[in-house]
Amino acid sequence: MRTFLQDQSVKGHRLTRDTLRRILWFATPYRGKLAVFLVVVAASAAAGATTPLLFRRLVDDGIVAGNRGVVIVMALAEDRGYDHWTRVRRSLGGMT
């Protein structure tokens, strides 16, 4: 991929409107799958961004501030989330 980006014959090339139209035409039968894929990617990105924010809240508002209530609530929320994903994995037959 890195070599492709450094190739001078390709570096400044732009796709034409006709080429984009053909790409969209080829993708038409897969609209539903592409939509699901985009939703899953967005949800995954949101979940990935949520974890550090939750830990920041746990450390700053709970541990550093000495607020046991925040620590307990965060621990219970994490435990509930773990139980949920364990049930999902079992229902999928261990696929995840």
C-alpha atoms as a PDB file:
ATOM      1  CA  MET A   1       0.000   0.000   0.000  1.00  0.00           C
ATOM      2  CA  ARG A   2       2.805   2.385   0.818  1.00  0.00           C
ATOM      3  CA  THR A   3       4.423   1.885  -2.605  1.00  0.00           C
ATOM      4  CA  PHE A   4       1.070   2.491  -4.279  1.00  0.00           C
ATOM      5  CA  LEU A   5       0.796   5.872  -2.584  1.00  0.00           C
ATOM      6  CA  GLN A   6       4.299   6.850  -3.666  1.00  0.00           C
ATOM      7  CA  ASP A   7       3.832   5.897  -7.335  1.00  0.00           C
ATOM      8  CA  GLN A   8       3.992   9.178  -9.269  1.00  0.00           C
ATOM      9  CA  SER A   9       1.714   7.897 -12.060  1.00  0.00           C
ATOM     10  CA  VAL A  10      -1.089   7.313  -9.568  1.00  0.00           C
ATOM     11  CA  LYS A  11      -0.404   9.952  -6.937  1.00  0.00           C
ATOM     12  CA  GLY A  12      -2.212  12.863  -8.591  1.00  0.00           C
ATOM     13  CA  HIS A  13      -4.888  10.819 -10.374  1.00  0.00           C
ATOM     14  CA  ARG A  14      -8.566  11.532  -9.605  1.00  0.00           C
ATOM     15  CA  LEU A  15     -11.522   9.295 -10.343  1.00  0.00           C
ATOM     16  CA  THR A  16     -13.906  10.547 -13.001  1.00  0.00           C
ATOM     17  CA  ARG A  17     -17.622  10.883 -12.483  1.00  0.00           C
ATOM     18  CA  ASP A  18     -18.242   7.943 -14.861  1.00  0.00           C
ATOM     19  CA  THR A  19     -15.899   5.697 -12.881  1.00  0.00           C
ATOM     20  CA  LEU A  20     -17.677   6.554  -9.631  1.00  0.00           C
ATOM     21  CA  ARG A  21     -21.019   5.891 -11.298  1.00  0.00           C
ATOM     22  CA  ARG A  22     -19.820   2.429 -12.407  1.00  0.00           C
ATOM     23  CA  ILE A  23     -18.549   1.640  -8.907  1.00  0.00           C
ATOM     24  CA  LEU A  24     -21.937   2.563  -7.425  1.00  0.00           C
ATOM     25  CA  TRP A  25     -23.704   0.490 -10.096  1.00  0.00           C
ATOM     26  CA  PHE A  26     -21.586  -2.572  -9.232  1.00  0.00           C
ATOM     27  CA  ALA A  27     -22.324  -2.044  -5.516  1.00  0.00           C
ATOM     28  CA  THR A  28     -26.104  -1.730  -6.018  1.00  0.00           C
ATOM     29  CA  PRO A  29     -26.916  -5.408  -5.261  1.00  0.00           C
ATOM     30  CA  TYR A  30     -25.024  -5.102  -1.979  1.00  0.00           C
ATOM     31  CA  ARG A  31     -26.731  -1.953  -0.657  1.00  0.00           C
ATOM     32  CA  GLY A  32     -28.238  -3.688   2.359  1.00  0.00           C
ATOM     33  CA  LYS A  33     -25.010  -5.428   3.313  1.00  0.00           C
ATOM     34  CA  LEU A  34     -23.036  -2.210   2.861  1.00  0.00           C
ATOM     35  CA  ALA A  35     -25.505  -0.311   5.057  1.00  0.00           C
ATOM     36  CA  VAL A  36     -25.234  -2.944   7.805  1.00  0.00           C
ATOM     37  CA  PHE A  37     -21.451  -2.872   7.473  1.00  0.00           C
ATOM     38  CA  LEU A  38     -21.360   0.913   7.900  1.00  0.00           C
ATOM     39  CA  VAL A  39     -23.634   0.759  10.959  1.00  0.00           C
ATOM     40  CA  VAL A  40     -21.459  -1.945  12.539  1.00  0.00           C
ATOM     41  CA  VAL A  41     -18.269   0.020  11.838  1.00  0.00           C
ATOM     42  CA  ALA A  42     -19.805   3.159  13.364  1.00  0.00           C
ATOM     43  CA  ALA A  43     -20.984   1.229  16.443  1.00  0.00           C
ATOM     44  CA  SER A  44     -17.560  -0.346  16.839  1.00  0.00           C
ATOM     45  CA  ALA A  45     -15.874   3.050  16.629  1.00  0.00           C
ATOM     46  CA  ALA A  46     -18.287   4.455  19.215  1.00  0.00           C
ATOM     47  CA  ALA A  47     -17.653   1.509  21.547  1.00  0.00           C
ATOM     48  CA  GLY A  48     -13.906   1.902  21.115  1.00  0.00           C
ATOM     49  CA  ALA A  49     -14.100   5.580  22.005  1.00  0.00           C
ATOM     50  CA  THR A  50     -16.362   4.953  24.998  1.00  0.00           C
ATOM     51  CA  THR A  51     -13.985   2.722  26.966  1.00  0.00           C
ATOM     52  CA  PRO A  52     -11.241   5.326  27.570  1.00  0.00           C
ATOM     53  CA  LEU A  53     -13.869   7.917  28.480  1.00  0.00           C
ATOM     54  CA  LEU A  54     -15.393   5.589  31.051  1.00  0.00           C
ATOM     55  CA  PHE A  55     -11.995   4.828  32.566  1.00  0.00           C
ATOM     56  CA  ARG A  56     -11.200   8.559  32.704  1.00  0.00           C
ATOM     57  CA  ARG A  57     -14.414   9.137  34.640  1.00  0.00           C
ATOM     58  CA  LEU A  58     -13.652   6.198  36.926  1.00  0.00           C
ATOM     59  CA  VAL A  59     -10.164   7.470  37.736  1.00  0.00           C
ATOM     60  CA  ASP A  60     -10.856  11.226  37.905  1.00  0.00           C
ATOM     61  CA  ASP A  61     -14.291  11.281  39.524  1.00  0.00           C
ATOM     62  CA  GLY A  62     -14.043   8.061  41.489  1.00  0.00           C
ATOM     63  CA  ILE A  63     -10.577   7.025  42.595  1.00  0.00           C
ATOM     64  CA  VAL A  64      -8.773  10.404  42.704  1.00  0.00           C
ATOM     65  CA  ALA A  65     -11.768  12.216  44.221  1.00  0.00           C
ATOM     66  CA  GLY A  66     -12.355   9.393  46.714  1.00  0.00           C
ATOM     67  CA  ASN A  67     -15.952   8.958  45.565  1.00  0.00           C
ATOM     68  CA  ARG A  68     -16.788   5.308  46.192  1.00  0.00           C
ATOM     69  CA  GLY A  69     -20.237   5.727  44.654  1.00  0.00           C
ATOM     70  CA  VAL A  70     -18.773   6.359  41.200  1.00  0.00           C
ATOM     71  CA  VAL A  71     -16.446   3.366  41.552  1.00  0.00           C
ATOM     72  CA  ILE A  72     -19.312   1.086  42.590  1.00  0.00           C
ATOM     73  CA  VAL A  73     -21.623   2.281  39.802  1.00  0.00           C
ATOM     74  CA  MET A  74     -18.898   1.867  37.171  1.00  0.00           C
ATOM     75  CA  ALA A  75     -18.037  -1.612  38.450  1.00  0.00           C
ATOM     76  CA  LEU A  76     -21.698  -2.663  38.340  1.00  0.00           C
ATOM     77  CA  ALA A  77     -22.115  -1.217  34.838  1.00  0.00           C
ATOM     78  CA  GLU A  78     -19.026  -3.084  33.612  1.00  0.00           C
ATOM     79  CA  ASP A  79     -20.250  -6.309  35.203  1.00  0.00           C
ATOM     80  CA  ARG A  80     -23.660  -5.927  33.575  1.00  0.00           C
ATOM     81  CA  GLY A  81     -22.041  -5.294  30.198  1.00  0.00           C
ATOM     82  CA  TYR A  82     -19.816  -8.359  30.599  1.00  0.00           C
ATOM     83  CA  ASP A  83     -22.841 -10.508  31.463  1.00  0.00           C
ATOM     84  CA  HIS A  84     -24.688  -9.200  28.397  1.00  0.00           C
ATOM     85  CA  TRP A  85     -21.840 -10.011  25.994  1.00  0.00           C
ATOM     86  CA  THR A  86     -21.351 -13.425  27.603  1.00  0.00           C
ATOM     87  CA  ARG A  87     -25.023 -14.200  26.879  1.00  0.00           C
ATOM     88  CA  VAL A  88     -24.675 -12.920  23.317  1.00  0.00           C
ATOM     89  CA  ARG A  89     -21.624 -15.113  22.722  1.00  0.00           C
ATOM     90  CA  ARG A  90     -23.430 -18.158  24.098  1.00  0.00           C
ATOM     91  CA  SER A  91     -26.480 -17.503  21.935  1.00  0.00           C
ATOM     92  CA  LEU A  92     -24.211 -17.313  18.870  1.00  0.00           C
ATOM     93  CA  GLY A  93     -22.732 -20.650  19.773  1.00  0.00           C
ATOM     94  CA  GLY A  94     -19.319 -19.301  20.719  1.00  0.00           C
ATOM     95  CA  MET A  95     -18.772 -17.618  17.343  1.00  0.00           C
ATOM     96  CA  THR A  96     -17.356 -14.423  18.844  1.00  0.00           C
END
